[in-house]
Each structure stands twice: as C-alpha cells, then as structure tokens.
Amino acid sequence: MLTREFIELNLYTFGKEFVDTLIPLLVAALAGGVVGLERESHNRPAGLRTHVLVCVGSALLMRVSLAMYDIVLGTGFGNGDPGRIAAQVVSGIGFLGAGTIMREGATIRGLTTAASLWVVSAMGLAVGAGLYMQTFVAVILVMLTLKTLSRVENRIFGHAAYRSLVVQVMDSPGKLGAVASVCGRWGYTIKNIAMRAGPFPGTVEVRFTVKPEGRTGDMASLIADLMSTEGVISVTEEEI
C-alpha cells in the first residue's frame, strides 16, 4: 500500500519535472513567436507558426540530448556527446530553409526568412541548454536586424536596391504599358514581370521587380502616381 509520503514525493517530483520542462519550451515558443510575427507581417511563407515550431522543436531536442547525456554518464559506460543532436538540428533546418527561397527573374526571395529559421533553431537549442540570457540577447539582435537594417540598406545602397511591387489593375488593353510608363517617369527600370488573375472579376495582378537608376528613384512618389493611374485598383510594396 502506498504511503502518503510516497505519493507526495512523487507528486512533487512530477510537478518539478513538469515545470522544468514547461519553462524552456514556453521561452522557446516566445522567442520563436517574436521573430515569426515579424516574418508573418511581411507575408513570408514561413511565418509565426513555423518559427514557433522550429524553436520549440529545437529546444525539446536539446533537452533530450542533455537527458541522454546524463543517462550515459549515470551508467558509467561509453562517452556521451550532447552536441550530436544539436548538430543534426543545425543541418536539418537547411531543408526547411530551402523551401522558403524562391527565384523570380533577377531577384531571389526568401533568404532572410531562411536565415531567420536557422537562427531561431539556434535560439531553441540555447533555451534547451538553459542559456536564457543568450537567447534574450539574440532575440533583440535579430529583431533589430529585421526591423532596422533594411532601412539602413535602402538609405545607403538605395541606388542599387531592387524593389517589388504588386499592382491590382483592371484587365483592359494598355494598362500594363501605362504602369511601365509611370515607373520610367520616376526613374525605375522594370527587371521582371509576372501576371495572374486578380482577386476580383475583370482584374489582373501584376507583380514586378524594379530597380532605381542612380539616385533618381522615389518609391513613395511612384506608388502615389500609380494609384492615380486610371484602371489601377491598388499598389503594395513587398519585401524582397
């Protein structure tokens, strides 16, 4: 018959183990969610859920790796290496990152998202190892990189930066030429164009990549001019 002390001891052990497991996984979900929300706001193929799953999965695998290492040391046989599973996580995340990279004409999209998945997996491993401060600092640096460095790049290298625009336009003759004419007027050269049926009947979605010639490009003025063009329904700028 089980004694009260035995039951209380087991409940305490279970509760402690549960909390010790829950905290790192919640921290991993939070860290991955912060980065994932930023990617989701740019309509990236790997957004909030993907980043959370990658970070939580990495943290869990790191916890498993450390637990197996303790088991091996406890038996006194063999040499455990807690870094083996972590190494496989870093290698395996490459397949997921490759799925976010797409080439459209002269531009390649998704490299930043692939890199964010890779660094989120590293965050998960750090959380799983109990390195919370390192993870916190990494989250701050990653968010600063994603939020501010793109503006710095555009300011410093704006003359060489490709920009992506999505224009919803009425499906009638001459509209594509009118859009191209407006781009040229504001110092932008069209590098590639992709068209498909728009979300509404009688409309076309035109997705094109433009590059400013020299420093004459003015994206805000270009978008405003496109919006005032007859037949244009909406204009949105997308991150490349």
Foldseek 3Di string as FASTA:
>chain_A
DDDPVNVVVVVVVVVVVVVVLVVLLVLLLVLQQLLQCLCVVQVFPRHRVNSSVLLSVLLVLLLVLVVVQVVCVVVVDDHRDSCPSVVVSLVVLQVVQVVRWDDDQPDIPRPLVSVSSNVSSVLSNCSSVVNSVVSVVSSVVSCCCSPPVVVVCCVVVVQFDKWKKKWKFFPDPPLVVVLCVLCVVQQKDWRHWDKDADPDPRIIIIMTIIGGHGPSHDVVVSLVVNVPDPGIDHMDIHDD
